[in-house]
């Protein structure tokens, strides 16, 4: 028989500054709309012209965001594989003896990580909000890479390659504004580049 759960145990933490609430073990992801509303709610203001313009822009780009996410979903394995091939062509020492992607285990870990970045970037793309990247990817990644001595340059380059590939696919699919696709990938590379390893 399990002990009665106290309310304070159900809500483990609330980090409103970082725009997420952890309920139990699940984080509630925010999008551009909920983040904007929260910002105005915290200050007790009605939505002003800037807020309305931001919402209009978000909804106007919704179809393109969903189309790009569908492209990523349908081509995720090919994107990761293609980005890895290009990365290892550009930086062949990674797969040579002593390189960070040398051995099947390390190579697989590299592909797994690239898939992880791609998946979370697609979430941020649809949400038009990079908080999910900060909370789910970047926070733990910095410590992990520092402790393992993983070089950050190839990681950043792999993310850039995936972004380039997706933007090309999006253009070919008729998505006019590919800058919205670049946003989450640029955020990842910018934040990772600030980390000195």
N, C-alpha and C. Protein backbone atom coordinates (compact mmCIF):
# COMPACT_ATOMS: atom_id res chain seq x y z
N UNK A 1 0.84 -1.18 0.00
CA UNK A 1 0.00 0.00 0.00
C UNK A 1 0.89 1.25 0.00
N UNK A 2 0.65 2.15 -0.95
CA UNK A 2 1.49 3.34 -1.05
C UNK A 2 0.99 4.44 -0.13
N UNK A 3 1.91 5.24 0.41
CA UNK A 3 1.50 6.33 1.27
C UNK A 3 0.75 7.39 0.48
N UNK A 4 -0.06 8.17 1.16
CA UNK A 4 -0.83 9.22 0.51
C UNK A 4 0.13 10.28 -0.05
N UNK A 5 -0.13 10.71 -1.26
CA UNK A 5 0.71 11.71 -1.91
C UNK A 5 0.27 13.09 -1.46
N UNK A 6 1.21 13.89 -1.02
CA UNK A 6 0.93 15.25 -0.59
C UNK A 6 0.91 16.18 -1.81
N UNK A 7 0.08 17.23 -1.79
CA UNK A 7 0.02 18.15 -2.92
C UNK A 7 1.38 18.72 -3.29
N UNK A 8 2.22 18.98 -2.30
CA UNK A 8 3.53 19.57 -2.62
C UNK A 8 4.42 18.57 -3.35
N UNK A 9 4.13 17.29 -3.26
CA UNK A 9 4.90 16.29 -3.99
C UNK A 9 4.44 16.20 -5.45
N UNK A 10 3.18 16.56 -5.70
CA UNK A 10 2.65 16.49 -7.05
C UNK A 10 3.27 17.57 -7.93
N UNK A 11 3.34 18.77 -7.40
CA UNK A 11 3.98 19.85 -8.14
C UNK A 11 5.38 20.00 -7.59
N UNK A 12 6.33 19.40 -8.30
CA UNK A 12 7.71 19.39 -7.82
C UNK A 12 8.36 20.75 -7.90
N UNK A 13 8.13 21.46 -8.98
CA UNK A 13 8.73 22.78 -9.10
C UNK A 13 7.97 23.65 -10.07
N UNK A 14 8.06 24.92 -9.84
CA UNK A 14 7.50 25.89 -10.78
C UNK A 14 8.59 26.91 -11.06
N UNK A 15 9.01 26.97 -12.31
CA UNK A 15 10.05 27.92 -12.69
C UNK A 15 9.44 28.87 -13.72
N UNK A 16 8.65 29.81 -13.23
CA UNK A 16 7.96 30.71 -14.14
C UNK A 16 8.93 31.57 -14.93
N UNK A 17 10.06 31.89 -14.34
CA UNK A 17 11.05 32.69 -15.06
C UNK A 17 11.47 31.99 -16.34
N UNK A 18 11.62 30.69 -16.30
CA UNK A 18 12.02 29.92 -17.48
C UNK A 18 10.83 29.41 -18.27
N UNK A 19 9.64 29.83 -17.91
CA UNK A 19 8.41 29.53 -18.62
C UNK A 19 8.14 28.03 -18.74
N UNK A 20 8.23 27.34 -17.63
CA UNK A 20 7.73 25.97 -17.63
C UNK A 20 7.33 25.59 -16.23
N UNK A 21 6.44 24.64 -16.16
CA UNK A 21 6.00 24.12 -14.88
C UNK A 21 6.16 22.62 -14.94
N UNK A 22 6.81 22.07 -13.94
CA UNK A 22 6.97 20.62 -13.87
C UNK A 22 5.88 20.07 -12.97
N UNK A 23 5.05 19.23 -13.51
CA UNK A 23 4.00 18.59 -12.74
C UNK A 23 4.36 17.12 -12.69
N UNK A 24 4.59 16.63 -11.47
CA UNK A 24 5.09 15.27 -11.36
C UNK A 24 6.44 15.22 -12.04
N UNK A 25 6.56 14.38 -13.05
CA UNK A 25 7.82 14.29 -13.79
C UNK A 25 7.70 14.87 -15.20
N UNK A 26 6.54 15.39 -15.55
CA UNK A 26 6.32 15.86 -16.91
C UNK A 26 6.39 17.38 -16.99
N UNK A 27 7.18 17.88 -17.94
CA UNK A 27 7.23 19.31 -18.18
C UNK A 27 6.10 19.67 -19.13
N UNK A 28 5.49 20.81 -18.89
CA UNK A 28 4.48 21.32 -19.79
C UNK A 28 5.17 22.27 -20.75
N UNK A 29 5.23 21.89 -22.02
CA UNK A 29 5.91 22.72 -23.01
C UNK A 29 5.04 23.92 -23.34
N UNK A 30 5.67 25.04 -23.56
CA UNK A 30 4.98 26.27 -23.91
C UNK A 30 5.20 26.57 -25.38
N UNK A 31 4.25 27.29 -25.96
CA UNK A 31 4.43 27.78 -27.32
C UNK A 31 4.43 29.30 -27.28
N UNK A 32 4.53 29.91 -28.44
CA UNK A 32 4.61 31.37 -28.51
C UNK A 32 3.37 32.02 -27.90
N UNK A 33 2.21 31.40 -28.07
CA UNK A 33 0.97 31.97 -27.56
C UNK A 33 0.94 31.93 -26.04
N UNK A 34 1.18 30.77 -25.46
CA UNK A 34 1.11 30.67 -24.00
C UNK A 34 2.22 31.47 -23.33
N UNK A 35 3.38 31.55 -23.95
CA UNK A 35 4.46 32.36 -23.39
C UNK A 35 4.10 33.84 -23.40
N UNK A 36 3.49 34.29 -24.49
CA UNK A 36 3.08 35.69 -24.59
C UNK A 36 1.99 36.01 -23.57
N UNK A 37 1.00 35.16 -23.49
CA UNK A 37 -0.10 35.39 -22.54
C UNK A 37 0.43 35.39 -21.12
N UNK A 38 1.31 34.48 -20.81
CA UNK A 38 1.88 34.42 -19.47
C UNK A 38 2.61 35.71 -19.13
N UNK A 39 3.37 36.22 -20.10
CA UNK A 39 4.12 37.47 -19.89
C UNK A 39 3.17 38.62 -19.54
N UNK A 40 2.07 38.73 -20.25
CA UNK A 40 1.12 39.80 -19.99
C UNK A 40 0.34 39.54 -18.70
N UNK A 41 0.04 38.29 -18.42
CA UNK A 41 -0.68 37.95 -17.20
C UNK A 41 0.14 38.27 -15.96
N UNK A 42 1.42 37.94 -15.99
CA UNK A 42 2.30 38.19 -14.85
C UNK A 42 2.35 39.68 -14.51
N UNK A 43 2.30 40.53 -15.55
CA UNK A 43 2.36 41.97 -15.32
C UNK A 43 0.97 42.60 -15.21
N UNK A 44 -0.08 41.79 -15.33
CA UNK A 44 -1.45 42.28 -15.17
C UNK A 44 -1.89 43.23 -16.27
N UNK A 45 -1.41 42.99 -17.49
CA UNK A 45 -1.75 43.87 -18.60
C UNK A 45 -2.64 43.15 -19.61
N UNK A 46 -3.44 43.95 -20.32
CA UNK A 46 -4.18 43.43 -21.45
C UNK A 46 -3.23 43.29 -22.63
N UNK A 47 -3.60 42.46 -23.58
CA UNK A 47 -2.78 42.32 -24.79
C UNK A 47 -2.82 43.63 -25.56
N UNK A 48 -1.66 44.21 -25.81
CA UNK A 48 -1.57 45.47 -26.54
C UNK A 48 -1.31 45.20 -28.03
N UNK A 49 -1.07 46.27 -28.78
CA UNK A 49 -0.85 46.14 -30.22
C UNK A 49 0.33 45.22 -30.53
N UNK A 50 1.42 45.35 -29.78
CA UNK A 50 2.59 44.48 -30.01
C UNK A 50 2.24 43.01 -29.82
N UNK A 51 1.48 42.73 -28.77
CA UNK A 51 1.08 41.34 -28.51
C UNK A 51 0.20 40.81 -29.63
N UNK A 52 -0.76 41.61 -30.05
CA UNK A 52 -1.66 41.19 -31.13
C UNK A 52 -0.86 40.97 -32.42
N UNK A 53 0.08 41.86 -32.71
CA UNK A 53 0.91 41.69 -33.91
C UNK A 53 1.74 40.41 -33.83
N UNK A 54 2.28 40.12 -32.66
CA UNK A 54 3.05 38.88 -32.48
C UNK A 54 2.17 37.66 -32.69
N UNK A 55 0.96 37.70 -32.18
CA UNK A 55 0.03 36.58 -32.36
C UNK A 55 -0.35 36.41 -33.83
N UNK A 56 -0.62 37.52 -34.51
CA UNK A 56 -0.95 37.45 -35.93
C UNK A 56 0.20 36.81 -36.72
N UNK A 57 1.41 37.23 -36.40
CA UNK A 57 2.59 36.69 -37.09
C UNK A 57 2.72 35.19 -36.82
N UNK A 58 2.51 34.78 -35.58
CA UNK A 58 2.59 33.36 -35.23
C UNK A 58 1.56 32.55 -36.02
N UNK A 59 0.31 33.00 -36.03
CA UNK A 59 -0.73 32.25 -36.72
C UNK A 59 -0.55 32.29 -38.24
N UNK A 60 -0.04 33.40 -38.76
CA UNK A 60 0.20 33.49 -40.21
C UNK A 60 1.28 32.51 -40.66
N UNK A 61 2.23 32.23 -39.78
CA UNK A 61 3.31 31.31 -40.14
C UNK A 61 2.99 29.86 -39.78
N UNK A 62 1.82 29.63 -39.21
CA UNK A 62 1.47 28.29 -38.73
C UNK A 62 1.49 27.20 -39.79
N UNK A 63 0.95 27.48 -40.96
CA UNK A 63 0.92 26.48 -42.02
C UNK A 63 2.33 26.11 -42.45
N UNK A 64 3.19 27.11 -42.59
CA UNK A 64 4.58 26.84 -42.98
C UNK A 64 5.30 26.05 -41.90
N UNK A 65 5.05 26.38 -40.65
CA UNK A 65 5.69 25.66 -39.54
C UNK A 65 5.27 24.18 -39.54
N UNK A 66 3.98 23.95 -39.72
CA UNK A 66 3.49 22.57 -39.74
C UNK A 66 4.00 21.80 -40.95
N UNK A 67 4.07 22.47 -42.09
CA UNK A 67 4.59 21.82 -43.30
C UNK A 67 6.06 21.45 -43.10
N UNK A 68 6.82 22.35 -42.50
CA UNK A 68 8.24 22.06 -42.23
C UNK A 68 8.39 20.91 -41.24
N UNK A 69 7.55 20.90 -40.21
CA UNK A 69 7.60 19.81 -39.23
C UNK A 69 7.24 18.48 -39.89
N UNK A 70 6.29 18.50 -40.81
CA UNK A 70 5.92 17.28 -41.53
C UNK A 70 7.09 16.79 -42.39
N UNK A 71 7.81 17.72 -43.01
CA UNK A 71 9.01 17.35 -43.79
C UNK A 71 10.05 16.70 -42.90
N UNK A 72 10.27 17.29 -41.74
CA UNK A 72 11.25 16.73 -40.80
C UNK A 72 10.82 15.34 -40.38
N UNK A 73 9.56 15.19 -40.03
CA UNK A 73 9.04 13.91 -39.58
C UNK A 73 9.18 12.83 -40.65
N UNK A 74 8.84 13.18 -41.87
CA UNK A 74 8.88 12.20 -42.97
C UNK A 74 10.30 11.85 -43.40
N UNK A 75 11.25 12.72 -43.10
CA UNK A 75 12.62 12.53 -43.59
C UNK A 75 13.67 12.50 -42.49
N UNK A 76 13.26 12.28 -41.26
CA UNK A 76 14.20 12.39 -40.13
C UNK A 76 15.41 11.47 -40.27
N UNK A 77 15.19 10.22 -40.62
CA UNK A 77 16.32 9.28 -40.74
C UNK A 77 17.27 9.72 -41.85
N UNK A 78 16.73 10.13 -42.99
CA UNK A 78 17.57 10.58 -44.10
C UNK A 78 18.31 11.87 -43.75
N UNK A 79 17.65 12.76 -43.00
CA UNK A 79 18.30 14.00 -42.59
C UNK A 79 19.49 13.73 -41.68
N UNK A 80 19.29 12.88 -40.69
CA UNK A 80 20.37 12.56 -39.76
C UNK A 80 21.50 11.85 -40.49
N UNK A 81 21.15 10.87 -41.31
CA UNK A 81 22.17 10.12 -42.05
C UNK A 81 22.93 11.05 -43.01
N UNK A 82 22.21 11.87 -43.75
CA UNK A 82 22.84 12.80 -44.69
C UNK A 82 23.72 13.83 -44.00
N UNK A 83 23.26 14.35 -42.87
CA UNK A 83 24.06 15.32 -42.12
C UNK A 83 25.33 14.67 -41.58
N UNK A 84 25.21 13.43 -41.12
CA UNK A 84 26.38 12.71 -40.60
C UNK A 84 27.40 12.47 -41.71
N UNK A 85 26.93 12.07 -42.87
CA UNK A 85 27.84 11.84 -44.00
C UNK A 85 28.59 13.12 -44.33
N UNK A 86 27.85 14.23 -44.45
CA UNK A 86 28.51 15.51 -44.76
C UNK A 86 29.48 15.93 -43.65
N UNK A 87 29.07 15.76 -42.40
CA UNK A 87 29.93 16.13 -41.28
C UNK A 87 31.23 15.34 -41.32
N UNK A 88 31.13 14.03 -41.53
CA UNK A 88 32.32 13.19 -41.52
C UNK A 88 33.18 13.40 -42.76
N UNK A 89 32.58 13.88 -43.85
CA UNK A 89 33.38 14.28 -45.02
C UNK A 89 34.15 15.56 -44.71
N UNK A 90 33.50 16.49 -44.01
CA UNK A 90 34.14 17.76 -43.66
C UNK A 90 35.18 17.61 -42.55
N UNK A 91 34.90 16.72 -41.60
CA UNK A 91 35.79 16.52 -40.45
C UNK A 91 36.09 15.02 -40.33
N UNK A 92 36.89 14.47 -41.26
CA UNK A 92 37.11 13.02 -41.28
C UNK A 92 37.84 12.48 -40.05
N UNK A 93 38.56 13.32 -39.35
CA UNK A 93 39.28 12.84 -38.16
C UNK A 93 38.33 12.36 -37.06
N UNK A 94 37.06 12.73 -37.14
CA UNK A 94 36.10 12.25 -36.15
C UNK A 94 35.91 10.74 -36.21
N UNK A 95 36.02 10.16 -37.42
CA UNK A 95 35.79 8.72 -37.54
C UNK A 95 37.09 7.93 -37.69
N UNK A 96 38.21 8.61 -37.59
CA UNK A 96 39.50 7.91 -37.60
C UNK A 96 39.80 7.42 -36.19
N UNK A 97 40.75 6.52 -36.08
CA UNK A 97 41.15 6.00 -34.76
C UNK A 97 41.46 7.16 -33.81
N UNK A 98 40.84 7.11 -32.64
CA UNK A 98 41.02 8.16 -31.64
C UNK A 98 40.02 9.30 -31.76
N UNK A 99 39.24 9.34 -32.84
CA UNK A 99 38.25 10.40 -33.03
C UNK A 99 37.02 10.18 -32.17
N UNK A 100 36.27 11.24 -31.97
CA UNK A 100 35.10 11.16 -31.09
C UNK A 100 33.96 10.31 -31.65
N UNK A 101 33.97 10.01 -32.95
CA UNK A 101 32.95 9.13 -33.53
C UNK A 101 33.56 7.81 -33.98
N UNK A 102 34.78 7.53 -33.53
CA UNK A 102 35.44 6.27 -33.87
C UNK A 102 34.90 5.18 -32.97
N UNK A 103 34.64 4.07 -33.48
CA UNK A 103 34.00 2.87 -32.93
C UNK A 103 32.49 2.97 -33.19
N UNK A 104 31.90 1.83 -33.34
CA UNK A 104 30.47 1.76 -33.63
C UNK A 104 29.65 2.42 -32.53
N UNK A 105 30.04 2.22 -31.29
CA UNK A 105 29.29 2.79 -30.17
C UNK A 105 29.29 4.32 -30.23
N UNK A 106 30.44 4.91 -30.46
CA UNK A 106 30.53 6.38 -30.51
C UNK A 106 29.82 6.93 -31.75
N UNK A 107 29.96 6.23 -32.87
CA UNK A 107 29.29 6.65 -34.10
C UNK A 107 27.77 6.64 -33.89
N UNK A 108 27.28 5.57 -33.29
CA UNK A 108 25.84 5.46 -33.00
C UNK A 108 25.38 6.55 -32.05
N UNK A 109 26.21 6.86 -31.05
CA UNK A 109 25.87 7.93 -30.10
C UNK A 109 25.78 9.27 -30.82
N UNK A 110 26.67 9.49 -31.77
CA UNK A 110 26.65 10.74 -32.54
C UNK A 110 25.35 10.86 -33.33
N UNK A 111 24.96 9.78 -34.01
CA UNK A 111 23.71 9.79 -34.77
C UNK A 111 22.50 9.95 -33.86
N UNK A 112 22.54 9.29 -32.71
CA UNK A 112 21.45 9.42 -31.73
C UNK A 112 21.31 10.87 -31.28
N UNK A 113 22.44 11.51 -30.98
CA UNK A 113 22.41 12.91 -30.54
C UNK A 113 21.87 13.82 -31.64
N UNK A 114 22.29 13.59 -32.88
CA UNK A 114 21.80 14.41 -33.99
C UNK A 114 20.29 14.25 -34.15
N UNK A 115 19.80 13.03 -33.99
CA UNK A 115 18.37 12.78 -34.07
C UNK A 115 17.64 13.51 -32.94
N UNK A 116 18.23 13.50 -31.77
CA UNK A 116 17.67 14.19 -30.60
C UNK A 116 17.56 15.69 -30.86
N UNK A 117 18.62 16.31 -31.40
CA UNK A 117 18.58 17.74 -31.71
C UNK A 117 17.51 18.04 -32.75
N UNK A 118 17.42 17.18 -33.76
CA UNK A 118 16.44 17.36 -34.82
C UNK A 118 15.01 17.29 -34.27
N UNK A 119 14.76 16.31 -33.44
CA UNK A 119 13.41 16.14 -32.88
C UNK A 119 13.01 17.35 -32.05
N UNK A 120 13.87 17.78 -31.15
CA UNK A 120 13.52 18.91 -30.30
C UNK A 120 13.47 20.22 -31.09
N UNK A 121 14.29 20.35 -32.11
CA UNK A 121 14.21 21.54 -32.97
C UNK A 121 12.86 21.58 -33.68
N UNK A 122 12.33 20.41 -34.05
CA UNK A 122 11.01 20.38 -34.70
C UNK A 122 9.92 20.80 -33.72
N UNK A 123 10.05 20.44 -32.45
CA UNK A 123 9.08 20.90 -31.44
C UNK A 123 9.13 22.43 -31.33
N UNK A 124 10.35 22.97 -31.23
CA UNK A 124 10.52 24.42 -31.10
C UNK A 124 10.01 25.14 -32.35
N UNK A 125 10.19 24.53 -33.50
CA UNK A 125 9.72 25.10 -34.76
C UNK A 125 8.20 25.25 -34.75
N UNK A 126 7.50 24.20 -34.38
CA UNK A 126 6.04 24.24 -34.34
C UNK A 126 5.56 25.24 -33.28
N UNK A 127 6.21 25.24 -32.12
CA UNK A 127 5.81 26.12 -31.03
C UNK A 127 6.22 27.58 -31.25
N UNK A 128 7.16 27.81 -32.16
CA UNK A 128 7.73 29.15 -32.36
C UNK A 128 8.29 29.69 -31.05
N UNK A 129 8.91 28.80 -30.30
CA UNK A 129 9.44 29.15 -28.98
C UNK A 129 10.61 28.21 -28.69
N UNK A 130 11.75 28.77 -28.34
CA UNK A 130 12.95 27.96 -28.11
C UNK A 130 13.13 27.51 -26.67
N UNK A 131 12.18 27.82 -25.80
CA UNK A 131 12.32 27.41 -24.39
C UNK A 131 12.48 25.91 -24.25
N UNK A 132 11.80 25.14 -25.09
CA UNK A 132 11.92 23.68 -24.99
C UNK A 132 13.36 23.24 -25.26
N UNK A 133 14.06 23.94 -26.11
CA UNK A 133 15.46 23.61 -26.38
C UNK A 133 16.33 23.91 -25.17
N UNK A 134 16.06 25.03 -24.52
CA UNK A 134 16.83 25.38 -23.32
C UNK A 134 16.60 24.35 -22.22
N UNK A 135 15.35 23.98 -22.02
CA UNK A 135 14.99 23.12 -20.90
C UNK A 135 15.28 21.65 -21.14
N UNK A 136 15.05 21.18 -22.35
CA UNK A 136 15.16 19.75 -22.62
C UNK A 136 16.47 19.33 -23.26
N UNK A 137 17.17 20.26 -23.88
CA UNK A 137 18.39 19.90 -24.60
C UNK A 137 19.62 20.57 -23.99
N UNK A 138 19.61 21.87 -23.95
CA UNK A 138 20.83 22.61 -23.62
C UNK A 138 21.26 22.52 -22.17
N UNK A 139 20.32 22.51 -21.23
CA UNK A 139 20.71 22.49 -19.81
C UNK A 139 21.58 21.29 -19.48
N UNK A 140 21.15 20.12 -19.79
CA UNK A 140 21.92 18.93 -19.47
C UNK A 140 23.08 18.68 -20.41
N UNK A 141 22.97 19.19 -21.62
CA UNK A 141 23.99 18.94 -22.62
C UNK A 141 25.33 19.57 -22.26
N UNK A 142 25.27 20.77 -21.77
CA UNK A 142 26.51 21.46 -21.41
C UNK A 142 27.32 20.65 -20.42
N UNK A 143 26.66 20.21 -19.36
CA UNK A 143 27.36 19.45 -18.32
C UNK A 143 27.87 18.12 -18.87
N UNK A 144 27.04 17.46 -19.65
CA UNK A 144 27.42 16.16 -20.21
C UNK A 144 28.63 16.29 -21.12
N UNK A 145 28.59 17.23 -22.04
CA UNK A 145 29.71 17.41 -22.97
C UNK A 145 30.97 17.83 -22.23
N UNK A 146 30.83 18.69 -21.24
CA UNK A 146 32.01 19.08 -20.45
C UNK A 146 32.62 17.87 -19.76
N UNK A 147 31.79 17.04 -19.15
CA UNK A 147 32.31 15.90 -18.39
C UNK A 147 32.92 14.83 -19.30
N UNK A 148 32.42 14.70 -20.52
CA UNK A 148 32.92 13.68 -21.44
C UNK A 148 34.03 14.20 -22.35
N UNK A 149 34.26 15.49 -22.34
CA UNK A 149 35.28 16.06 -23.21
C UNK A 149 34.91 16.01 -24.68
N UNK A 150 33.63 16.09 -24.98
CA UNK A 150 33.16 16.05 -26.37
C UNK A 150 33.37 17.42 -27.00
N UNK A 151 34.03 17.48 -28.15
CA UNK A 151 34.25 18.78 -28.80
C UNK A 151 32.95 19.36 -29.32
N UNK A 152 32.76 20.63 -29.10
CA UNK A 152 31.50 21.27 -29.46
C UNK A 152 31.43 21.65 -30.94
N UNK A 153 32.56 21.93 -31.56
CA UNK A 153 32.57 22.37 -32.96
C UNK A 153 31.86 21.42 -33.91
N UNK A 154 32.19 20.13 -33.90
CA UNK A 154 31.49 19.20 -34.79
C UNK A 154 30.00 19.08 -34.48
N UNK A 155 29.62 19.21 -33.22
CA UNK A 155 28.20 19.16 -32.86
C UNK A 155 27.47 20.34 -33.49
N UNK A 156 28.05 21.51 -33.35
CA UNK A 156 27.46 22.72 -33.94
C UNK A 156 27.37 22.57 -35.45
N UNK A 157 28.42 22.07 -36.07
CA UNK A 157 28.42 21.91 -37.53
C UNK A 157 27.36 20.91 -37.97
N UNK A 158 27.20 19.82 -37.25
CA UNK A 158 26.17 18.83 -37.58
C UNK A 158 24.77 19.43 -37.54
N UNK A 159 24.51 20.27 -36.54
CA UNK A 159 23.21 20.94 -36.42
C UNK A 159 23.01 21.91 -37.58
N UNK A 160 24.07 22.64 -37.94
CA UNK A 160 23.98 23.57 -39.07
C UNK A 160 23.68 22.83 -40.37
N UNK A 161 24.31 21.69 -40.56
CA UNK A 161 24.09 20.91 -41.78
C UNK A 161 22.63 20.45 -41.85
N UNK A 162 22.09 19.96 -40.74
CA UNK A 162 20.68 19.55 -40.74
C UNK A 162 19.78 20.72 -41.09
N UNK A 163 20.06 21.89 -40.52
CA UNK A 163 19.27 23.08 -40.81
C UNK A 163 19.32 23.42 -42.30
N UNK A 164 20.50 23.39 -42.88
CA UNK A 164 20.66 23.67 -44.31
C UNK A 164 19.87 22.67 -45.16
N UNK A 165 19.95 21.40 -44.79
CA UNK A 165 19.24 20.36 -45.55
C UNK A 165 17.73 20.56 -45.48
N UNK A 166 17.22 20.87 -44.30
CA UNK A 166 15.78 21.06 -44.13
C UNK A 166 15.31 22.30 -44.88
N UNK A 167 16.09 23.37 -44.84
CA UNK A 167 15.70 24.58 -45.56
C UNK A 167 15.66 24.33 -47.07
N UNK A 168 16.60 23.55 -47.57
CA UNK A 168 16.59 23.20 -48.99
C UNK A 168 15.35 22.39 -49.33
N UNK A 169 15.05 21.40 -48.51
CA UNK A 169 13.85 20.58 -48.73
C UNK A 169 12.59 21.43 -48.67
N UNK A 170 12.55 22.36 -47.73
CA UNK A 170 11.37 23.22 -47.57
C UNK A 170 11.19 24.12 -48.79
N UNK A 171 12.27 24.66 -49.30
CA UNK A 171 12.20 25.50 -50.50
C UNK A 171 11.67 24.68 -51.67
N UNK A 172 12.19 23.46 -51.81
CA UNK A 172 11.74 22.57 -52.89
C UNK A 172 10.27 22.19 -52.72
N UNK A 173 9.79 22.17 -51.48
CA UNK A 173 8.39 21.83 -51.20
C UNK A 173 7.46 23.04 -51.30
N UNK A 174 8.04 24.21 -51.60
CA UNK A 174 7.22 25.40 -51.78
C UNK A 174 7.03 26.25 -50.54
N UNK A 175 7.79 26.02 -49.50
CA UNK A 175 7.72 26.85 -48.30
C UNK A 175 8.59 28.07 -48.56
N UNK A 176 7.95 29.24 -48.66
CA UNK A 176 8.66 30.45 -49.07
C UNK A 176 9.62 30.98 -48.00
N UNK A 177 9.17 31.05 -46.77
CA UNK A 177 9.99 31.63 -45.70
C UNK A 177 10.67 30.53 -44.91
N UNK A 178 11.93 30.26 -45.25
CA UNK A 178 12.66 29.21 -44.54
C UNK A 178 13.38 29.75 -43.31
N UNK A 179 13.31 31.06 -43.08
CA UNK A 179 13.98 31.62 -41.90
C UNK A 179 13.36 31.09 -40.61
N UNK A 180 12.06 30.80 -40.64
CA UNK A 180 11.42 30.25 -39.44
C UNK A 180 11.95 28.86 -39.13
N UNK A 181 12.40 28.14 -40.15
CA UNK A 181 12.99 26.82 -39.94
C UNK A 181 14.36 26.96 -39.28
N UNK A 182 15.09 27.98 -39.68
CA UNK A 182 16.44 28.18 -39.14
C UNK A 182 16.43 28.58 -37.66
N UNK A 183 15.36 29.22 -37.19
CA UNK A 183 15.32 29.76 -35.82
C UNK A 183 15.74 28.77 -34.74
N UNK A 184 15.11 27.60 -34.63
CA UNK A 184 15.50 26.69 -33.55
C UNK A 184 16.92 26.14 -33.71
N UNK A 185 17.33 25.89 -34.94
CA UNK A 185 18.68 25.39 -35.18
C UNK A 185 19.72 26.46 -34.86
N UNK A 186 19.43 27.70 -35.25
CA UNK A 186 20.33 28.81 -34.93
C UNK A 186 20.44 29.00 -33.42
N UNK A 187 19.33 28.82 -32.73
CA UNK A 187 19.36 28.95 -31.27
C UNK A 187 20.26 27.88 -30.66
N UNK A 188 20.11 26.65 -31.12
CA UNK A 188 20.97 25.57 -30.62
C UNK A 188 22.44 25.86 -30.87
N UNK A 189 22.77 26.24 -32.10
CA UNK A 189 24.19 26.46 -32.43
C UNK A 189 24.75 27.67 -31.70
N UNK A 190 23.95 28.72 -31.57
CA UNK A 190 24.41 29.92 -30.86
C UNK A 190 24.69 29.60 -29.39
N UNK A 191 23.75 28.90 -28.75
CA UNK A 191 23.91 28.56 -27.33
C UNK A 191 25.07 27.59 -27.11
N UNK A 192 25.20 26.61 -27.98
CA UNK A 192 26.29 25.66 -27.85
C UNK A 192 27.64 26.31 -28.11
N UNK A 193 27.68 27.24 -29.04
CA UNK A 193 28.93 27.92 -29.37
C UNK A 193 29.44 28.79 -28.24
N UNK A 194 28.54 29.22 -27.36
CA UNK A 194 28.94 30.04 -26.21
C UNK A 194 29.60 29.22 -25.13
N UNK A 195 29.50 27.89 -25.23
CA UNK A 195 30.08 27.01 -24.23
C UNK A 195 31.52 26.71 -24.62
N UNK A 196 32.43 26.95 -23.73
CA UNK A 196 33.84 26.67 -24.00
C UNK A 196 34.19 25.29 -23.47
N UNK A 197 34.55 24.40 -24.38
CA UNK A 197 34.91 23.04 -23.96
C UNK A 197 36.37 22.81 -24.28
